[in-house]
Amino acid sequence: MSAAAIEQPFDDEPFSLTAIADEIMERHPGYRVEIIGGHLLVTPSPDAPHARALTSLMIPFIAAGLHGEETEVLQNVGLWLPSAAEDYVIPDLAIVDADIDDHLVENNAYDPVCFRLVLEVTSSNWKDDLKTKAVAYAQAKVPVYVIVDRKHQRLHVLTDPSGEQYEHHRPYSPGETAVLPASIGAEVTLDVDQILKAAQKKAD
């Protein structure tokens, strides 16, 4: 997806990136605006295959009992980033501790300590998910980062954050089964072929 044009919403008045982000979302309903490393990342509304892939992914997580008393399976919930005062990111899907409501930081973003897993389904701005967000999530010490890479037809599982990177990065190809760390709260395996097919446009 291409980035929306960013116009200065104020004249000579002091402004913040958060205020600009709010202005963009007001002018472009459905757009997702994130602030990573002091930079605005603007993404238009996802397409149907993107949403279909997320639904396919929620099923094994919920079936494993991850949406219950100890953890929840949530879409599009803000994660506060420690890299800068206004930084936050909105993962497509997340496994979070059930007491997440007690850990609101600001701007509808929550302390990363609540997040056991974050997941992104790529769009045309796939480099952001593979590079920019991988650094951001590692810096926030999110234990597991999963990427459904529609561009290269891969599913990536990144674990063990250290500094600005994950120590372990395992790409999976169609036909393989991805086994997620039990640290997320349950034993979960993902059918890579099924997920990647769900993320593709249906044939006419």
N, C-alpha and C. Protein backbone atom coordinates (compact mmCIF):
# COMPACT_ATOMS: atom_id res chain seq x y z
N MET A 1 0.84 -1.19 0.00
CA MET A 1 0.00 0.00 0.00
C MET A 1 0.87 1.24 0.00
N SER A 2 0.42 2.25 -0.68
CA SER A 2 1.21 3.47 -0.74
C SER A 2 0.87 4.38 0.42
N ALA A 3 1.80 5.24 0.76
CA ALA A 3 1.59 6.16 1.88
C ALA A 3 0.75 7.35 1.43
N ALA A 4 -0.08 7.84 2.31
CA ALA A 4 -0.90 9.01 2.01
C ALA A 4 -0.06 10.27 2.10
N ALA A 5 -0.44 11.29 1.33
CA ALA A 5 0.25 12.56 1.42
C ALA A 5 0.04 13.17 2.79
N ILE A 6 1.10 13.66 3.38
CA ILE A 6 1.01 14.24 4.72
C ILE A 6 1.08 15.75 4.62
N GLU A 7 -0.01 16.41 5.00
CA GLU A 7 -0.05 17.86 4.97
C GLU A 7 0.13 18.41 6.38
N GLN A 8 0.74 19.57 6.48
CA GLN A 8 0.93 20.20 7.78
C GLN A 8 -0.41 20.73 8.26
N PRO A 9 -0.99 20.18 9.35
CA PRO A 9 -2.32 20.59 9.78
C PRO A 9 -2.35 21.90 10.55
N PHE A 10 -1.17 22.42 10.93
CA PHE A 10 -1.13 23.65 11.70
C PHE A 10 -0.25 24.68 10.99
N ASP A 11 -0.44 25.94 11.33
CA ASP A 11 0.37 26.99 10.73
C ASP A 11 1.59 27.24 11.60
N ASP A 12 1.53 28.25 12.46
CA ASP A 12 2.67 28.57 13.31
C ASP A 12 2.52 28.02 14.72
N GLU A 13 1.47 27.22 14.93
CA GLU A 13 1.25 26.68 16.26
C GLU A 13 2.17 25.48 16.51
N PRO A 14 2.57 25.24 17.76
CA PRO A 14 3.36 24.05 18.07
C PRO A 14 2.57 22.80 17.71
N PHE A 15 3.26 21.78 17.25
CA PHE A 15 2.56 20.55 16.88
C PHE A 15 3.40 19.35 17.31
N SER A 16 2.76 18.21 17.33
CA SER A 16 3.44 16.97 17.66
C SER A 16 3.13 15.94 16.58
N LEU A 17 3.93 14.88 16.52
CA LEU A 17 3.65 13.82 15.56
C LEU A 17 2.31 13.16 15.86
N THR A 18 1.97 13.06 17.13
CA THR A 18 0.69 12.47 17.51
C THR A 18 -0.46 13.30 16.96
N ALA A 19 -0.34 14.63 17.02
CA ALA A 19 -1.39 15.51 16.49
C ALA A 19 -1.51 15.35 14.97
N ILE A 20 -0.36 15.22 14.29
CA ILE A 20 -0.39 15.02 12.84
C ILE A 20 -1.03 13.68 12.51
N ALA A 21 -0.68 12.64 13.29
CA ALA A 21 -1.27 11.31 13.08
C ALA A 21 -2.78 11.36 13.23
N ASP A 22 -3.26 12.05 14.25
CA ASP A 22 -4.70 12.19 14.46
C ASP A 22 -5.36 12.92 13.31
N GLU A 23 -4.67 13.94 12.79
CA GLU A 23 -5.22 14.71 11.67
C GLU A 23 -5.34 13.85 10.42
N ILE A 24 -4.33 13.03 10.16
CA ILE A 24 -4.35 12.15 8.99
C ILE A 24 -5.51 11.17 9.09
N MET A 25 -5.68 10.57 10.26
CA MET A 25 -6.76 9.59 10.44
C MET A 25 -8.13 10.24 10.31
N GLU A 26 -8.23 11.51 10.73
CA GLU A 26 -9.50 12.22 10.60
C GLU A 26 -9.81 12.51 9.14
N ARG A 27 -8.79 12.85 8.36
CA ARG A 27 -8.98 13.17 6.95
C ARG A 27 -9.11 11.93 6.08
N HIS A 28 -8.53 10.81 6.54
CA HIS A 28 -8.53 9.58 5.75
C HIS A 28 -9.05 8.42 6.60
N PRO A 29 -10.35 8.34 6.83
CA PRO A 29 -10.91 7.27 7.67
C PRO A 29 -10.49 5.89 7.15
N GLY A 30 -10.12 5.03 8.07
CA GLY A 30 -9.70 3.68 7.69
C GLY A 30 -8.20 3.52 7.57
N TYR A 31 -7.49 4.65 7.47
CA TYR A 31 -6.03 4.57 7.39
C TYR A 31 -5.44 4.27 8.77
N ARG A 32 -4.35 3.52 8.76
CA ARG A 32 -3.64 3.26 10.01
C ARG A 32 -2.40 4.12 10.03
N VAL A 33 -2.21 4.85 11.12
CA VAL A 33 -1.03 5.71 11.26
C VAL A 33 -0.24 5.26 12.49
N GLU A 34 1.04 5.00 12.29
CA GLU A 34 1.93 4.59 13.37
C GLU A 34 3.13 5.54 13.41
N ILE A 35 3.77 5.61 14.56
CA ILE A 35 4.97 6.45 14.70
C ILE A 35 6.10 5.54 15.17
N ILE A 36 7.10 5.37 14.31
CA ILE A 36 8.22 4.47 14.61
C ILE A 36 9.52 5.24 14.40
N GLY A 37 10.32 5.31 15.45
CA GLY A 37 11.59 6.03 15.33
C GLY A 37 11.41 7.49 15.00
N GLY A 38 10.32 8.09 15.46
CA GLY A 38 10.07 9.49 15.17
C GLY A 38 9.58 9.77 13.77
N HIS A 39 9.18 8.72 13.04
CA HIS A 39 8.68 8.87 11.67
C HIS A 39 7.26 8.34 11.57
N LEU A 40 6.44 9.03 10.77
CA LEU A 40 5.07 8.59 10.55
C LEU A 40 5.04 7.48 9.51
N LEU A 41 4.29 6.43 9.81
CA LEU A 41 4.07 5.34 8.87
C LEU A 41 2.57 5.27 8.61
N VAL A 42 2.15 5.57 7.37
CA VAL A 42 0.73 5.67 7.04
C VAL A 42 0.35 4.55 6.08
N THR A 43 -0.65 3.75 6.46
CA THR A 43 -1.06 2.60 5.66
C THR A 43 -2.56 2.65 5.39
N PRO A 44 -2.97 2.58 4.12
CA PRO A 44 -4.41 2.57 3.82
C PRO A 44 -5.09 1.31 4.35
N SER A 45 -6.41 1.28 4.27
CA SER A 45 -7.18 0.13 4.75
C SER A 45 -6.73 -1.16 4.06
N PRO A 46 -6.69 -2.27 4.80
CA PRO A 46 -6.28 -3.54 4.21
C PRO A 46 -7.30 -4.07 3.23
N ASP A 47 -6.85 -4.94 2.31
CA ASP A 47 -7.77 -5.56 1.37
C ASP A 47 -8.39 -6.81 1.99
N ALA A 48 -9.33 -7.43 1.27
CA ALA A 48 -10.05 -8.59 1.80
C ALA A 48 -9.12 -9.78 2.07
N PRO A 49 -8.15 -10.11 1.18
CA PRO A 49 -7.26 -11.23 1.48
C PRO A 49 -6.45 -11.01 2.76
N HIS A 50 -6.07 -9.77 3.02
CA HIS A 50 -5.35 -9.45 4.25
C HIS A 50 -6.22 -9.80 5.46
N ALA A 51 -7.47 -9.37 5.44
CA ALA A 51 -8.39 -9.65 6.53
C ALA A 51 -8.68 -11.14 6.63
N ARG A 52 -8.79 -11.81 5.47
CA ARG A 52 -9.06 -13.25 5.47
C ARG A 52 -7.92 -14.02 6.11
N ALA A 53 -6.69 -13.60 5.85
CA ALA A 53 -5.53 -14.26 6.46
C ALA A 53 -5.56 -14.10 7.97
N LEU A 54 -5.95 -12.92 8.46
CA LEU A 54 -6.02 -12.71 9.90
C LEU A 54 -7.07 -13.60 10.55
N THR A 55 -8.20 -13.77 9.89
CA THR A 55 -9.24 -14.66 10.42
C THR A 55 -8.71 -16.09 10.48
N SER A 56 -8.02 -16.52 9.42
CA SER A 56 -7.46 -17.88 9.39
C SER A 56 -6.44 -18.08 10.50
N LEU A 57 -5.73 -17.02 10.85
CA LEU A 57 -4.72 -17.11 11.90
C LEU A 57 -5.34 -17.12 13.29
N MET A 58 -6.43 -16.40 13.46
CA MET A 58 -7.08 -16.36 14.77
C MET A 58 -7.62 -17.72 15.19
N ILE A 59 -8.05 -18.52 14.22
CA ILE A 59 -8.68 -19.81 14.52
C ILE A 59 -7.78 -20.73 15.33
N PRO A 60 -6.51 -21.01 14.91
CA PRO A 60 -5.68 -21.89 15.73
C PRO A 60 -5.32 -21.30 17.08
N PHE A 61 -5.17 -19.98 17.16
CA PHE A 61 -4.88 -19.35 18.45
C PHE A 61 -6.05 -19.53 19.42
N ILE A 62 -7.25 -19.29 18.94
CA ILE A 62 -8.43 -19.42 19.79
C ILE A 62 -8.67 -20.88 20.14
N ALA A 63 -8.48 -21.79 19.16
CA ALA A 63 -8.66 -23.22 19.40
C ALA A 63 -7.70 -23.74 20.47
N ALA A 64 -6.52 -23.10 20.56
CA ALA A 64 -5.52 -23.51 21.56
C ALA A 64 -5.83 -22.94 22.94
N GLY A 65 -6.90 -22.17 23.06
CA GLY A 65 -7.29 -21.63 24.35
C GLY A 65 -6.63 -20.32 24.72
N LEU A 66 -6.08 -19.62 23.72
CA LEU A 66 -5.35 -18.38 24.01
C LEU A 66 -6.26 -17.16 24.18
N HIS A 67 -7.53 -17.33 23.89
CA HIS A 67 -8.46 -16.22 24.11
C HIS A 67 -9.34 -16.60 25.30
N GLY A 68 -8.82 -16.33 26.50
CA GLY A 68 -9.53 -16.76 27.70
C GLY A 68 -9.17 -15.93 28.91
N GLU A 69 -8.98 -16.58 30.04
CA GLU A 69 -8.75 -15.87 31.29
C GLU A 69 -7.34 -15.33 31.43
N GLU A 70 -6.35 -16.01 30.84
CA GLU A 70 -4.95 -15.59 31.00
C GLU A 70 -4.44 -14.75 29.85
N THR A 71 -4.88 -15.04 28.66
CA THR A 71 -4.44 -14.30 27.48
C THR A 71 -5.62 -13.99 26.58
N GLU A 72 -5.41 -13.04 25.66
CA GLU A 72 -6.43 -12.68 24.69
C GLU A 72 -5.81 -12.58 23.31
N VAL A 73 -6.63 -12.83 22.30
CA VAL A 73 -6.22 -12.68 20.89
C VAL A 73 -6.89 -11.42 20.37
N LEU A 74 -6.09 -10.39 20.08
CA LEU A 74 -6.64 -9.09 19.71
C LEU A 74 -6.09 -8.59 18.38
N GLN A 75 -6.92 -7.86 17.65
CA GLN A 75 -6.49 -7.22 16.41
C GLN A 75 -6.35 -5.72 16.62
N ASN A 76 -5.33 -5.15 15.98
CA ASN A 76 -5.18 -3.69 15.89
C ASN A 76 -5.20 -2.98 17.23
N VAL A 77 -4.44 -3.49 18.20
CA VAL A 77 -4.33 -2.81 19.50
C VAL A 77 -2.94 -2.16 19.57
N GLY A 78 -2.89 -0.91 20.02
CA GLY A 78 -1.65 -0.15 20.01
C GLY A 78 -0.61 -0.68 21.00
N LEU A 79 0.64 -0.69 20.56
CA LEU A 79 1.76 -1.11 21.39
C LEU A 79 2.72 0.07 21.51
N TRP A 80 2.92 0.55 22.72
CA TRP A 80 3.81 1.68 22.95
C TRP A 80 5.25 1.25 22.75
N LEU A 81 6.04 2.07 22.06
CA LEU A 81 7.44 1.75 21.79
C LEU A 81 8.36 2.61 22.66
N PRO A 82 9.43 2.02 23.18
CA PRO A 82 10.35 2.76 24.05
C PRO A 82 11.34 3.63 23.29
N SER A 83 11.31 3.60 21.95
CA SER A 83 12.32 4.30 21.16
C SER A 83 12.20 5.82 21.20
N ALA A 84 10.98 6.34 21.40
CA ALA A 84 10.77 7.80 21.48
C ALA A 84 9.45 8.05 22.19
N ALA A 85 9.28 9.26 22.69
CA ALA A 85 8.11 9.58 23.52
C ALA A 85 6.79 9.35 22.82
N GLU A 86 6.72 9.63 21.51
CA GLU A 86 5.45 9.50 20.80
C GLU A 86 5.34 8.22 19.98
N ASP A 87 6.34 7.35 20.04
CA ASP A 87 6.36 6.17 19.19
C ASP A 87 5.34 5.12 19.63
N TYR A 88 4.65 4.57 18.67
CA TYR A 88 3.75 3.45 18.91
C TYR A 88 3.54 2.72 17.59
N VAL A 89 3.11 1.47 17.69
CA VAL A 89 2.84 0.66 16.50
C VAL A 89 1.55 -0.10 16.75
N ILE A 90 0.87 -0.49 15.67
CA ILE A 90 -0.41 -1.19 15.79
C ILE A 90 -0.31 -2.51 15.02
N PRO A 91 0.09 -3.59 15.69
CA PRO A 91 0.19 -4.87 15.00
C PRO A 91 -1.17 -5.37 14.51
N ASP A 92 -1.15 -6.10 13.39
CA ASP A 92 -2.40 -6.64 12.86
C ASP A 92 -3.07 -7.57 13.87
N LEU A 93 -2.26 -8.37 14.55
CA LEU A 93 -2.78 -9.35 15.49
C LEU A 93 -1.79 -9.49 16.64
N ALA A 94 -2.30 -9.77 17.83
CA ALA A 94 -1.41 -9.92 18.99
C ALA A 94 -2.00 -10.90 19.99
N ILE A 95 -1.10 -11.61 20.67
CA ILE A 95 -1.46 -12.39 21.84
C ILE A 95 -0.99 -11.58 23.03
N VAL A 96 -1.92 -11.20 23.90
CA VAL A 96 -1.59 -10.32 25.02
C VAL A 96 -2.05 -10.92 26.34
N ASP A 97 -1.45 -10.47 27.42
CA ASP A 97 -1.91 -10.86 28.75
C ASP A 97 -3.32 -10.30 28.98
N ALA A 98 -4.13 -11.05 29.70
CA ALA A 98 -5.53 -10.67 29.89
C ALA A 98 -5.69 -9.39 30.71
N ASP A 99 -4.64 -8.98 31.45
CA ASP A 99 -4.74 -7.75 32.24
C ASP A 99 -4.22 -6.53 31.48
N ILE A 100 -4.26 -6.59 30.17
CA ILE A 100 -3.72 -5.51 29.34
C ILE A 100 -4.37 -4.16 29.66
N ASP A 101 -5.63 -4.16 30.07
CA ASP A 101 -6.31 -2.90 30.37
C ASP A 101 -5.61 -2.12 31.49
N ASP A 102 -4.88 -2.83 32.33
CA ASP A 102 -4.17 -2.18 33.44
C ASP A 102 -2.84 -1.58 33.01
N HIS A 103 -2.48 -1.72 31.74
CA HIS A 103 -1.15 -1.30 31.29
C HIS A 103 -1.19 -0.29 30.14
N LEU A 104 -2.24 0.52 30.12
CA LEU A 104 -2.32 1.59 29.12
C LEU A 104 -1.25 2.63 29.40
N VAL A 105 -0.47 3.00 28.38
CA VAL A 105 0.56 4.02 28.54
C VAL A 105 -0.02 5.37 28.14
N GLU A 106 -0.33 5.55 26.87
CA GLU A 106 -0.99 6.75 26.37
C GLU A 106 -1.35 6.55 24.91
N ASN A 107 -2.20 7.43 24.39
CA ASN A 107 -2.59 7.41 22.99
C ASN A 107 -3.10 6.03 22.55
N ASN A 108 -3.86 5.38 23.44
CA ASN A 108 -4.41 4.05 23.17
C ASN A 108 -3.34 3.00 22.87
N ALA A 109 -2.16 3.19 23.41
CA ALA A 109 -1.08 2.23 23.24
C ALA A 109 -0.72 1.64 24.61
N TYR A 110 -0.39 0.35 24.61
CA TYR A 110 -0.17 -0.37 25.85
C TYR A 110 1.30 -0.79 26.00
N ASP A 111 1.70 -0.99 27.25
CA ASP A 111 3.07 -1.39 27.58
C ASP A 111 3.42 -2.70 26.87
N PRO A 112 4.55 -2.75 26.17
CA PRO A 112 4.92 -3.97 25.45
C PRO A 112 5.10 -5.20 26.34
N VAL A 113 5.23 -5.00 27.64
CA VAL A 113 5.38 -6.13 28.55
C VAL A 113 4.15 -7.04 28.50
N CYS A 114 3.01 -6.52 28.05
CA CYS A 114 1.78 -7.30 27.97
C CYS A 114 1.71 -8.19 26.73
N PHE A 115 2.59 -7.98 25.78
CA PHE A 115 2.49 -8.66 24.49
C PHE A 115 3.39 -9.90 24.45
N ARG A 116 2.77 -11.05 24.18
CA ARG A 116 3.51 -12.30 24.07
C ARG A 116 3.90 -12.60 22.62
N LEU A 117 3.08 -12.12 21.71
CA LEU A 117 3.32 -12.33 20.28
C LEU A 117 2.67 -11.20 19.52
N VAL A 118 3.33 -10.73 18.47
CA VAL A 118 2.73 -9.79 17.52
C VAL A 118 2.84 -10.40 16.13
N LEU A 119 1.89 -10.05 15.28
CA LEU A 119 1.86 -10.63 13.93
C LEU A 119 1.46 -9.56 12.92
N GLU A 120 2.14 -9.58 11.79
CA GLU A 120 1.82 -8.66 10.70
C GLU A 120 1.59 -9.45 9.42
N VAL A 121 0.59 -9.05 8.64
CA VAL A 121 0.37 -9.57 7.30
C VAL A 121 0.79 -8.46 6.34
N THR A 122 1.74 -8.74 5.47
CA THR A 122 2.30 -7.68 4.63
C THR A 122 1.32 -7.20 3.56
N SER A 123 1.52 -5.93 3.17
CA SER A 123 0.82 -5.35 2.04
C SER A 123 1.91 -4.83 1.09
N SER A 124 1.62 -3.83 0.30
CA SER A 124 2.62 -3.35 -0.66
C SER A 124 3.83 -2.72 0.03
N ASN A 125 3.63 -2.27 1.29
CA ASN A 125 4.74 -1.70 2.06
C ASN A 125 5.40 -2.80 2.90
N TRP A 126 5.66 -3.95 2.26
CA TRP A 126 6.16 -5.13 2.96
C TRP A 126 7.51 -4.92 3.64
N LYS A 127 8.31 -3.98 3.13
CA LYS A 127 9.63 -3.74 3.74
C LYS A 127 9.49 -3.22 5.17
N ASP A 128 8.43 -2.47 5.43
CA ASP A 128 8.22 -1.96 6.79
C ASP A 128 8.04 -3.11 7.78
N ASP A 129 7.26 -4.13 7.37
CA ASP A 129 7.03 -5.27 8.27
C ASP A 129 8.28 -6.11 8.44
N LEU A 130 9.04 -6.29 7.36
CA LEU A 130 10.22 -7.16 7.41
C LEU A 130 11.43 -6.49 8.06
N LYS A 131 11.51 -5.17 7.97
CA LYS A 131 12.70 -4.49 8.48
C LYS A 131 12.37 -3.51 9.62
N THR A 132 11.64 -2.45 9.30
CA THR A 132 11.37 -1.40 10.29
C THR A 132 10.70 -1.94 11.54
N LYS A 133 9.64 -2.73 11.35
CA LYS A 133 8.91 -3.23 12.51
C LYS A 133 9.66 -4.34 13.24
N ALA A 134 10.49 -5.07 12.52
CA ALA A 134 11.30 -6.11 13.18
C ALA A 134 12.23 -5.46 14.20
N VAL A 135 12.81 -4.31 13.84
CA VAL A 135 13.68 -3.58 14.76
C VAL A 135 12.86 -3.03 15.93
N ALA A 136 11.70 -2.44 15.61
CA ALA A 136 10.87 -1.82 16.64
C ALA A 136 10.39 -2.86 17.67
N TYR A 137 9.93 -3.99 17.19
CA TYR A 137 9.44 -5.02 18.11
C TYR A 137 10.57 -5.63 18.93
N ALA A 138 11.75 -5.76 18.32
CA ALA A 138 12.89 -6.28 19.07
C ALA A 138 13.29 -5.31 20.17
N GLN A 139 13.32 -4.01 19.85
CA GLN A 139 13.65 -2.99 20.85
C GLN A 139 12.64 -3.00 22.00
N ALA A 140 11.38 -3.30 21.68
CA ALA A 140 10.33 -3.35 22.69
C ALA A 140 10.33 -4.68 23.45
N LYS A 141 11.21 -5.60 23.04
CA LYS A 141 11.36 -6.90 23.70
C LYS A 141 10.10 -7.76 23.60
N VAL A 142 9.39 -7.66 22.49
CA VAL A 142 8.26 -8.56 22.26
C VAL A 142 8.84 -9.94 21.95
N PRO A 143 8.47 -10.97 22.70
CA PRO A 143 9.14 -12.27 22.59
C PRO A 143 9.06 -12.95 21.22
N VAL A 144 7.90 -12.83 20.56
CA VAL A 144 7.71 -13.53 19.28
C VAL A 144 7.08 -12.58 18.26
N TYR A 145 7.67 -12.54 17.07
CA TYR A 145 7.14 -11.72 15.97
C TYR A 145 6.94 -12.63 14.77
N VAL A 146 5.70 -12.69 14.27
CA VAL A 146 5.36 -13.53 13.12
C VAL A 146 4.98 -12.62 11.96
N ILE A 147 5.50 -12.93 10.78
CA ILE A 147 5.20 -12.14 9.58
C ILE A 147 4.65 -13.07 8.49
N VAL A 148 3.47 -12.75 7.99
CA VAL A 148 2.94 -13.43 6.83
C VAL A 148 3.37 -12.61 5.62
N ASP A 149 4.39 -13.08 4.93
CA ASP A 149 5.03 -12.34 3.86
C ASP A 149 4.37 -12.69 2.52
N ARG A 150 3.40 -11.89 2.14
CA ARG A 150 2.67 -12.15 0.89
C ARG A 150 3.53 -11.87 -0.35
N LYS A 151 4.50 -10.99 -0.21
CA LYS A 151 5.36 -10.64 -1.33
C LYS A 151 6.21 -11.83 -1.76
N HIS A 152 6.82 -12.53 -0.80
CA HIS A 152 7.75 -13.63 -1.10
C HIS A 152 7.18 -14.99 -0.77
N GLN A 153 5.89 -15.03 -0.38
CA GLN A 153 5.23 -16.30 -0.06
C GLN A 153 5.99 -17.09 0.99
N ARG A 154 6.20 -16.44 2.12
CA ARG A 154 6.88 -17.06 3.25
C ARG A 154 6.14 -16.67 4.54
N LEU A 155 6.34 -17.46 5.57
CA LEU A 155 5.90 -17.11 6.91
C LEU A 155 7.15 -17.09 7.78
N HIS A 156 7.41 -15.96 8.43
CA HIS A 156 8.62 -15.79 9.23
C HIS A 156 8.26 -15.82 10.72
N VAL A 157 9.06 -16.54 11.49
CA VAL A 157 8.91 -16.55 12.95
C VAL A 157 10.22 -16.05 13.55
N LEU A 158 10.14 -14.90 14.23
CA LEU A 158 11.32 -14.30 14.87
C LEU A 158 11.17 -14.40 16.38
N THR A 159 12.22 -14.86 17.05
CA THR A 159 12.17 -15.03 18.50
C THR A 159 13.47 -14.54 19.15
N ASP A 160 13.42 -14.39 20.45
CA ASP A 160 14.58 -14.00 21.26
C ASP A 160 15.11 -12.61 20.89
N PRO A 161 14.35 -11.56 21.23
CA PRO A 161 14.80 -10.20 20.92
C PRO A 161 16.05 -9.82 21.71
N SER A 162 16.97 -9.15 21.03
CA SER A 162 18.21 -8.67 21.67
C SER A 162 18.63 -7.39 20.99
N GLY A 163 18.55 -6.28 21.72
CA GLY A 163 18.91 -5.00 21.12
C GLY A 163 17.94 -4.63 20.02
N GLU A 164 18.46 -4.45 18.80
CA GLU A 164 17.64 -4.04 17.67
C GLU A 164 17.32 -5.20 16.72
N GLN A 165 17.48 -6.43 17.18
CA GLN A 165 17.20 -7.55 16.30
C GLN A 165 16.73 -8.77 17.09
N TYR A 166 16.22 -9.73 16.37
CA TYR A 166 15.85 -11.01 16.96
C TYR A 166 16.99 -12.00 16.70
N GLU A 167 17.36 -12.74 17.73
CA GLU A 167 18.47 -13.68 17.62
C GLU A 167 18.14 -14.84 16.68
N HIS A 168 16.88 -15.24 16.66
CA HIS A 168 16.49 -16.37 15.82
C HIS A 168 15.40 -15.96 14.84
N HIS A 169 15.62 -16.29 13.57
CA HIS A 169 14.69 -15.95 12.50
C HIS A 169 14.53 -17.19 11.63
N ARG A 170 13.33 -17.75 11.65
CA ARG A 170 13.07 -18.98 10.89
C ARG A 170 12.00 -18.72 9.84
N PRO A 171 12.38 -18.71 8.53
CA PRO A 171 11.38 -18.58 7.48
C PRO A 171 10.79 -19.95 7.13
N TYR A 172 9.49 -19.99 6.87
CA TYR A 172 8.81 -21.22 6.48
C TYR A 172 8.22 -21.05 5.09
N SER A 173 8.30 -22.10 4.29
CA SER A 173 7.77 -22.09 2.93
C SER A 173 6.43 -22.83 2.87
N PRO A 174 5.67 -22.64 1.77
CA PRO A 174 4.42 -23.38 1.61
C PRO A 174 4.68 -24.88 1.72
N GLY A 175 3.78 -25.57 2.41
CA GLY A 175 3.95 -27.01 2.62
C GLY A 175 4.56 -27.35 3.95
N GLU A 176 5.15 -26.35 4.62
CA GLU A 176 5.74 -26.57 5.93
C GLU A 176 4.75 -26.19 7.04
N THR A 177 5.06 -26.62 8.24
CA THR A 177 4.27 -26.29 9.42
C THR A 177 5.14 -25.50 10.38
N ALA A 178 4.68 -24.34 10.77
CA ALA A 178 5.43 -23.50 11.70
C ALA A 178 4.99 -23.81 13.13
N VAL A 179 5.95 -24.13 13.97
CA VAL A 179 5.68 -24.41 15.37
C VAL A 179 6.07 -23.18 16.18
N LEU A 180 5.13 -22.61 16.90
CA LEU A 180 5.39 -21.39 17.67
C LEU A 180 5.87 -21.74 19.08
N PRO A 181 6.67 -20.87 19.68
CA PRO A 181 7.17 -21.14 21.04
C PRO A 181 6.03 -21.29 22.05
N ALA A 182 6.18 -22.23 22.95
CA ALA A 182 5.15 -22.46 23.97
C ALA A 182 5.02 -21.28 24.92
N SER A 183 5.99 -20.36 24.88
CA SER A 183 5.96 -19.19 25.76
C SER A 183 4.77 -18.29 25.50
N ILE A 184 4.11 -18.43 24.34
CA ILE A 184 2.94 -17.60 24.07
C ILE A 184 1.75 -18.03 24.92
N GLY A 185 1.86 -19.22 25.53
CA GLY A 185 0.80 -19.67 26.42
C GLY A 185 0.14 -20.97 26.03
N ALA A 186 0.49 -21.51 24.87
CA ALA A 186 -0.10 -22.77 24.41
C ALA A 186 0.73 -23.32 23.26
N GLU A 187 0.49 -24.58 22.94
CA GLU A 187 1.13 -25.21 21.78
C GLU A 187 0.33 -24.83 20.54
N VAL A 188 0.96 -24.12 19.62
CA VAL A 188 0.27 -23.70 18.40
C VAL A 188 1.14 -24.00 17.19
N THR A 189 0.54 -24.64 16.19
CA THR A 189 1.23 -24.87 14.92
C THR A 189 0.41 -24.20 13.82
N LEU A 190 1.09 -23.65 12.84
CA LEU A 190 0.44 -22.94 11.74
C LEU A 190 0.72 -23.64 10.43
N ASP A 191 -0.33 -23.89 9.67
CA ASP A 191 -0.22 -24.48 8.34
C ASP A 191 0.13 -23.35 7.37
N VAL A 192 1.38 -23.30 6.96
CA VAL A 192 1.88 -22.18 6.16
C VAL A 192 1.13 -22.09 4.83
N ASP A 193 0.94 -23.22 4.17
CA ASP A 193 0.26 -23.22 2.87
C ASP A 193 -1.16 -22.67 3.01
N GLN A 194 -1.87 -23.09 4.03
CA GLN A 194 -3.25 -22.64 4.24
C GLN A 194 -3.31 -21.13 4.49
N ILE A 195 -2.38 -20.63 5.28
CA ILE A 195 -2.38 -19.20 5.61
C ILE A 195 -2.04 -18.36 4.38
N LEU A 196 -1.02 -18.78 3.63
CA LEU A 196 -0.62 -18.02 2.45
C LEU A 196 -1.71 -18.04 1.38
N LYS A 197 -2.42 -19.15 1.25
CA LYS A 197 -3.52 -19.21 0.29
C LYS A 197 -4.65 -18.28 0.70
N ALA A 198 -4.92 -18.22 2.00
CA ALA A 198 -5.98 -17.31 2.49
C ALA A 198 -5.63 -15.87 2.22
N ALA A 199 -4.32 -15.56 2.19
CA ALA A 199 -3.85 -14.19 2.00
C ALA A 199 -3.81 -13.78 0.52
N GLN A 200 -4.14 -14.68 -0.37
CA GLN A 200 -4.14 -14.37 -1.81
C GLN A 200 -5.55 -14.01 -2.29
N LYS A 201 -5.60 -13.25 -3.36
CA LYS A 201 -6.89 -12.92 -3.94
C LYS A 201 -7.50 -14.18 -4.55
N LYS A 202 -8.82 -14.32 -4.37
CA LYS A 202 -9.50 -15.48 -4.92
C LYS A 202 -9.54 -15.39 -6.43
N ALA A 203 -9.38 -16.56 -7.08
CA ALA A 203 -9.40 -16.59 -8.54
C ALA A 203 -10.79 -16.28 -9.05
N ASP A 204 -10.88 -15.57 -10.20
CA ASP A 204 -12.17 -15.23 -10.79
C ASP A 204 -12.85 -16.47 -11.35
